[in-house]
């Protein structure tokens, strides 16, 4: 994942190709020159399966990943905070007592990190995790509607006014908005979208419009 940072440069994070998989993080200036790079990993046999990265607007960078522990296949969510000089401020593992799988997305809301993703407990269940800037876990909730399984894939902050979660509900594109205090505001189910969908990202335009992007395979109707 590649993001633009508050200093006008860029930061990226992803999983390495070695064994075990580790997390690669790099910071670049606005012309693309590498300012620093860092590889982070857990114990031998533990794999960082994905990487998501966010900037808090104050020079700090948050990175997050799902981590698979050795041969037992159990996964947790890992998150860390780095300074602008790549020093580790803190790191934390969040155990949701189920298998955390696939891609996750990370953003910063009001200076604090938030993560969305999908767990597997007989059926897919979406989750939303929020922490404070010191790494204290403030809450973890499941995302679901009364009639649909929610599989969140992307998260975007609305400056000063909450955040938006986007993903799939029963296989169709879906998004929901939450207020700054994490209370639910509204949701939209784009059920008229034909075929099997995949959501890649959600973003907030300069004029406040919400843009969700992805793909639809109409051959799988």
Protein backbone atom coordinates (compact mmCIF):
# COMPACT_ATOMS: atom_id res chain seq x y z
CA UNK A 1 0.00 0.00 0.00
CA UNK A 2 1.24 3.49 -0.92
CA UNK A 3 0.03 6.70 0.76
CA UNK A 4 0.91 10.38 0.63
CA UNK A 5 2.20 11.71 3.95
CA UNK A 6 1.48 15.04 5.60
CA UNK A 7 4.96 16.39 4.68
CA UNK A 8 4.22 15.97 0.97
CA UNK A 9 6.22 12.76 0.63
CA UNK A 10 5.10 9.14 0.50
CA UNK A 11 5.15 5.98 2.60
CA UNK A 12 4.56 2.39 1.62
CA UNK A 13 4.14 -0.96 3.35
CA UNK A 14 3.89 -4.53 2.14
CA UNK A 15 4.83 -8.11 2.86
CA UNK A 16 8.29 -9.35 1.85
CA UNK A 17 8.83 -12.46 -0.24
CA UNK A 18 11.17 -14.22 2.17
CA UNK A 19 10.30 -16.98 4.63
CA UNK A 20 8.85 -16.11 7.04
CA UNK A 21 7.05 -13.15 5.48
CA UNK A 22 8.01 -9.88 7.14
CA UNK A 23 6.70 -6.34 6.81
CA UNK A 24 8.64 -3.86 4.66
CA UNK A 25 8.12 -0.12 5.30
CA UNK A 26 9.68 2.79 3.42
CA UNK A 27 9.43 6.58 3.60
CA UNK A 28 10.12 8.69 0.49
CA UNK A 29 10.31 12.44 -0.06
CA UNK A 30 8.14 14.26 -2.61
CA UNK A 31 10.64 13.58 -5.42
CA UNK A 32 10.76 9.83 -4.70
CA UNK A 33 14.09 9.71 -2.87
CA UNK A 34 14.20 7.12 -0.07
CA UNK A 35 14.46 8.79 3.33
CA UNK A 36 14.43 5.54 5.27
CA UNK A 37 13.31 1.94 5.07
CA UNK A 38 12.64 -0.68 7.71
CA UNK A 39 11.82 -4.39 7.88
CA UNK A 40 9.79 -5.64 10.83
CA UNK A 41 9.07 -9.24 11.71
CA UNK A 42 7.89 -11.51 14.48
CA UNK A 43 9.41 -14.74 15.77
CA UNK A 44 10.72 -17.41 13.42
CA UNK A 45 7.86 -19.17 11.66
CA UNK A 46 5.42 -16.27 12.08
CA UNK A 47 4.25 -14.57 8.87
CA UNK A 48 3.14 -10.99 8.27
CA UNK A 49 0.48 -11.64 5.64
CA UNK A 50 -0.45 -8.12 4.54
CA UNK A 51 0.49 -4.51 5.13
CA UNK A 52 -1.55 -1.34 5.56
CA UNK A 53 -0.16 2.10 6.40
CA UNK A 54 -1.51 5.48 7.51
CA UNK A 55 -0.18 8.94 8.40
CA UNK A 56 -1.54 10.82 11.42
CA UNK A 57 -0.80 14.31 10.09
CA UNK A 58 1.71 14.97 12.88
CA UNK A 59 4.72 13.17 11.41
CA UNK A 60 3.93 9.71 12.80
CA UNK A 61 3.18 6.60 10.74
CA UNK A 62 0.99 3.66 11.70
CA UNK A 63 1.42 0.24 10.10
CA UNK A 64 -0.74 -2.84 10.53
CA UNK A 65 -0.86 -6.44 9.35
CA UNK A 66 -2.42 -9.80 9.98
CA UNK A 67 0.13 -12.19 11.51
CA UNK A 68 -0.06 -15.98 11.23
CA UNK A 69 1.61 -17.82 14.07
CA UNK A 70 3.70 -20.81 12.99
CA UNK A 71 2.07 -24.13 12.21
CA UNK A 72 -1.08 -23.63 14.29
CA UNK A 73 -2.55 -21.24 11.72
CA UNK A 74 -3.88 -18.81 14.34
CA UNK A 75 -3.92 -15.20 13.21
CA UNK A 76 -3.92 -11.92 15.13
CA UNK A 77 -3.98 -8.26 14.14
CA UNK A 78 -0.68 -6.42 14.66
CA UNK A 79 -0.28 -2.62 14.68
CA UNK A 80 2.71 -0.36 15.34
CA UNK A 81 3.40 3.36 15.58
CA UNK A 82 6.62 4.82 14.13
CA UNK A 83 8.05 8.32 14.38
CA UNK A 84 9.04 10.35 11.33
CA UNK A 85 12.60 9.05 11.90
CA UNK A 86 11.35 5.37 11.81
CA UNK A 87 11.80 4.81 15.56
CA UNK A 88 9.28 2.38 17.04
CA UNK A 89 6.99 4.13 19.53
CA UNK A 90 4.86 1.08 20.35
CA UNK A 91 3.45 -2.11 18.87
CA UNK A 92 0.40 -4.12 19.84
CA UNK A 93 -1.25 -7.44 18.99
CA UNK A 94 -5.05 -7.67 19.04
CA UNK A 95 -6.54 -11.16 19.43
CA UNK A 96 -10.14 -11.35 18.26
CA UNK A 97 -10.44 -15.00 19.39
CA UNK A 98 -11.06 -16.16 15.85
CA UNK A 99 -9.19 -16.49 12.56
CA UNK A 100 -8.38 -13.04 11.15
CA UNK A 101 -7.90 -13.46 7.44
CA UNK A 102 -7.31 -11.61 4.20
CA UNK A 103 -6.59 -7.93 3.67
CA UNK A 104 -7.10 -5.28 6.33
CA UNK A 105 -7.24 -1.51 5.99
CA UNK A 106 -5.90 1.11 8.37
CA UNK A 107 -6.65 4.82 8.71
CA UNK A 108 -6.32 7.56 11.33
CA UNK A 109 -9.46 9.23 12.71
CA UNK A 110 -8.98 12.21 15.00
CA UNK A 111 -5.33 11.29 15.58
CA UNK A 112 -6.10 7.67 16.53
CA UNK A 113 -5.68 4.51 14.42
CA UNK A 114 -8.59 2.37 13.22
CA UNK A 115 -8.55 -0.99 11.42
CA UNK A 116 -11.20 -2.89 9.45
CA UNK A 117 -11.01 -6.45 8.20
CA UNK A 118 -12.72 -9.82 8.04
CA UNK A 119 -12.67 -12.76 10.41
CA UNK A 120 -13.82 -16.34 9.88
CA UNK A 121 -16.02 -18.01 12.46
CA UNK A 122 -18.10 -20.48 10.49
CA UNK A 123 -18.98 -17.57 8.21
CA UNK A 124 -17.21 -14.28 7.36
CA UNK A 125 -17.68 -11.56 9.97
CA UNK A 126 -16.46 -8.00 9.51
CA UNK A 127 -14.69 -6.24 12.37
CA UNK A 128 -13.74 -2.68 13.28
CA UNK A 129 -10.97 -1.94 15.81
CA UNK A 130 -10.14 1.45 17.27
CA UNK A 131 -7.18 2.40 19.49
CA UNK A 132 -5.89 5.67 20.90
CA UNK A 133 -2.60 7.29 19.92
CA UNK A 134 -0.84 5.53 22.82
CA UNK A 135 -1.87 2.07 21.59
CA UNK A 136 -4.63 1.45 24.13
CA UNK A 137 -7.46 -0.66 22.71
CA UNK A 138 -10.65 1.40 22.92
CA UNK A 139 -13.03 -1.02 21.25
CA UNK A 140 -13.58 -3.86 18.79
CA UNK A 141 -16.94 -4.48 17.18
CA UNK A 142 -18.48 -6.79 14.61
CA UNK A 143 -20.01 -5.28 11.50
CA UNK A 144 -23.26 -6.84 10.30
CA UNK A 145 -26.76 -5.96 9.19
CA UNK A 146 -29.95 -7.76 10.17
CA UNK A 147 -29.99 -9.59 6.84
CA UNK A 148 -26.45 -9.57 5.41
CA UNK A 149 -22.91 -10.68 6.15
CA UNK A 150 -20.59 -7.65 6.03
CA UNK A 151 -17.09 -8.07 4.58
CA UNK A 152 -15.35 -4.67 4.99
CA UNK A 153 -12.41 -3.93 2.73
CA UNK A 154 -11.61 -0.22 3.03
CA UNK A 155 -11.74 2.64 5.50
CA UNK A 156 -11.51 6.42 5.05
CA UNK A 157 -11.47 9.30 7.53
CA UNK A 158 -13.79 12.28 7.13
CA UNK A 159 -11.75 15.17 8.60
CA UNK A 160 -13.38 16.26 11.85
CA UNK A 161 -16.55 14.33 11.14
CA UNK A 162 -16.07 10.56 11.51
CA UNK A 163 -15.26 7.91 8.93
CA UNK A 164 -16.63 5.64 6.19
CA UNK A 165 -16.33 1.85 5.92
CA UNK A 166 -16.77 0.18 2.51
CA UNK A 167 -16.98 -3.47 1.52
CA UNK A 168 -19.50 -6.12 0.60
CA UNK A 169 -22.89 -7.02 2.08
CA UNK A 170 -24.12 -10.39 0.83
CA UNK A 171 -21.68 -10.03 -2.06
CA UNK A 172 -22.86 -6.57 -3.14
CA UNK A 173 -21.05 -3.22 -2.70
CA UNK A 174 -21.90 -1.58 0.63
CA UNK A 175 -20.75 1.41 2.64
CA UNK A 176 -21.55 2.87 6.05
CA UNK A 177 -20.75 6.15 7.73
CA UNK A 178 -19.93 6.52 11.42
CA UNK A 179 -19.78 9.73 13.43
CA UNK A 180 -16.63 10.96 15.20
CA UNK A 181 -17.87 9.34 18.44
CA UNK A 182 -18.18 5.97 16.56
CA UNK A 183 -21.97 5.99 16.57
CA UNK A 184 -23.67 4.73 13.41
CA UNK A 185 -24.89 7.41 10.96
CA UNK A 186 -26.12 5.61 7.83
CA UNK A 187 -25.44 2.76 5.39
CA UNK A 188 -26.05 2.16 1.69
CA UNK A 189 -26.44 -1.22 0.01
CA UNK A 190 -25.76 -0.95 -3.74
CA UNK A 191 -27.79 -4.07 -4.45
CA UNK A 192 -28.40 -3.23 -8.11
CA UNK A 193 -24.75 -3.82 -9.02
CA UNK A 194 -24.66 -6.82 -11.41
CA UNK A 195 -22.34 -9.79 -10.92
CA UNK A 196 -19.80 -10.59 -8.23
CA UNK A 197 -18.11 -7.49 -6.81
CA UNK A 198 -14.78 -6.70 -5.16
CA UNK A 199 -14.13 -3.44 -3.31
CA UNK A 200 -10.59 -2.03 -3.40
CA UNK A 201 -10.76 1.43 -1.84
CA UNK A 202 -12.88 4.26 -0.50
CA UNK A 203 -11.83 7.91 -0.30
CA UNK A 204 -13.22 11.33 0.57
CA UNK A 205 -12.94 14.02 -2.10
CA UNK A 206 -12.03 17.64 -1.36
CA UNK A 207 -15.71 18.56 -1.71
CA UNK A 208 -16.85 15.89 0.76
CA UNK A 209 -18.14 13.37 -1.79
CA UNK A 210 -17.41 9.71 -0.99
CA UNK A 211 -15.81 7.66 -3.78
CA UNK A 212 -15.76 3.85 -3.64
CA UNK A 213 -13.88 1.85 -6.29
CA UNK A 214 -13.62 -1.82 -7.14
CA UNK A 215 -14.54 -4.33 -9.81
CA UNK A 216 -17.53 -6.39 -10.89
CA UNK A 217 -17.35 -9.74 -12.72
CA UNK A 218 -20.60 -9.89 -14.69
CA UNK A 219 -19.73 -13.36 -15.99
CA UNK A 220 -20.38 -14.82 -12.53
CA UNK A 221 -24.08 -13.93 -12.36
